[in-house]
C-alpha cells in the first residue's frame, strides 16, 4: 500500500514539474518546489484513500477528479500549485 501512495505522490510531483516555464522545467524555482512538497505531504493520506492502486497520469487525474472529496489541507495545497501553461505555438 505504501508503494501505491508513493506512485500517486510521484505523479503529483511529475505533473506539477512541467508547468509555468517554457520547455517545462524540471526543478522549478524554490516556490514551485515548496508548493509541490507541500502538496505531496498534505495529500498523502487522501491519495491512498481516493486513488489507491492508480499510477502515473491515472493517479494525477484521479486526484483532480476527487479533489472535492480530499481533505481541506490537500485541497489548499493543490490549489497553490502553479497551473500548467498551454503549449506555445
Protein backbone atom coordinates (compact mmCIF):
# COMPACT_ATOMS: atom_id res chain seq x y z
CA UNK A 1 0.00 0.00 0.00
CA UNK A 2 2.86 2.43 0.69
CA UNK A 3 4.18 1.84 -2.81
CA UNK A 4 0.87 2.93 -4.39
CA UNK A 5 0.86 6.08 -2.27
CA UNK A 6 4.40 6.87 -3.40
CA UNK A 7 3.34 6.41 -7.02
CA UNK A 8 0.45 8.86 -6.59
CA UNK A 9 2.70 11.38 -4.89
CA UNK A 10 5.27 10.93 -7.63
CA UNK A 11 2.56 11.62 -10.21
CA UNK A 12 1.66 14.85 -8.41
CA UNK A 13 5.28 15.91 -8.41
CA UNK A 14 5.84 14.97 -12.06
CA UNK A 15 2.67 16.62 -13.28
CA UNK A 16 3.39 19.81 -11.42
CA UNK A 17 7.00 19.94 -12.62
CA UNK A 18 6.13 20.57 -16.27
CA UNK A 19 4.25 23.85 -15.92
CA UNK A 20 4.73 27.55 -15.92
CA UNK A 21 8.04 27.59 -17.75
CA UNK A 22 8.83 27.36 -21.44
CA UNK A 23 10.04 23.85 -22.06
CA UNK A 24 8.67 22.56 -18.77
CA UNK A 25 11.50 22.96 -16.31
CA UNK A 26 12.18 20.01 -14.07
CA UNK A 27 13.35 21.78 -10.94
CA UNK A 28 11.43 25.00 -10.93
CA UNK A 29 12.12 27.84 -8.59
CA UNK A 30 12.13 27.38 -4.81
CA UNK A 31 8.50 28.46 -4.50
CA UNK A 32 7.40 25.82 -7.02
CA UNK A 33 9.41 23.13 -5.29
CA UNK A 34 7.94 24.15 -1.93
CA UNK A 35 4.40 24.04 -3.36
CA UNK A 36 4.99 20.54 -4.78
CA UNK A 37 6.43 19.30 -1.49
CA UNK A 38 3.52 20.78 0.46
CA UNK A 39 1.00 19.12 -1.88
CA UNK A 40 2.76 15.77 -1.61
CA UNK A 41 2.72 15.92 2.18
CA UNK A 42 -0.81 17.29 2.50
CA UNK A 43 -2.29 14.79 0.05
CA UNK A 44 -0.53 11.55 1.04
CA UNK A 45 -3.45 10.11 3.03
CA UNK A 46 -6.01 11.36 0.50
CA UNK A 47 -4.10 9.80 -2.38
CA UNK A 48 -4.07 6.46 -0.63
CA UNK A 49 -7.78 6.65 0.22
CA UNK A 50 -9.10 8.11 -3.02
CA UNK A 51 -6.71 6.74 -5.65
CA UNK A 52 -5.13 3.60 -4.24
CA UNK A 53 -3.76 1.37 -6.98
CA UNK A 54 -3.57 4.12 -9.60
CA UNK A 55 -0.23 5.19 -11.03
CA UNK A 56 1.25 7.94 -13.18
CA UNK A 57 -1.19 10.06 -15.14
CA UNK A 58 -4.15 7.99 -13.92
CA UNK A 59 -3.22 8.80 -10.33
CA UNK A 60 -2.97 12.53 -11.04
CA UNK A 61 -6.27 12.54 -12.92
CA UNK A 62 -7.87 10.60 -10.06
CA UNK A 63 -6.70 13.18 -7.53
CA UNK A 64 -8.03 16.02 -9.68
CA UNK A 65 -11.38 14.27 -10.18
CA UNK A 66 -11.72 13.57 -6.46
CA UNK A 67 -10.45 16.88 -5.15
CA UNK A 68 -13.88 17.72 -3.68
CA UNK A 69 -13.55 14.58 -1.52
CA UNK A 70 -10.00 15.36 -0.41
CA UNK A 71 -9.17 16.91 2.93
CA UNK A 72 -9.12 20.70 3.21
CA UNK A 73 -5.31 20.78 3.66
CA UNK A 74 -4.88 18.75 0.46
CA UNK A 75 -7.31 20.96 -1.45
CA UNK A 76 -5.50 24.07 -0.27
CA UNK A 77 -2.08 22.67 -1.17
CA UNK A 78 -3.21 21.55 -4.63
CA UNK A 79 -4.77 24.96 -5.27
CA UNK A 80 -1.37 26.57 -4.65
CA UNK A 81 0.34 24.53 -7.37
CA UNK A 82 1.00 26.73 -10.40
CA UNK A 83 -1.19 25.86 -13.35
CA UNK A 84 0.36 24.41 -16.45
CA UNK A 85 0.54 26.76 -19.41
CA UNK A 86 -0.82 25.61 -22.77
CA UNK A 87 1.84 24.82 -25.39
CA UNK A 88 3.16 27.86 -27.24
CA UNK A 89 2.94 27.53 -30.88
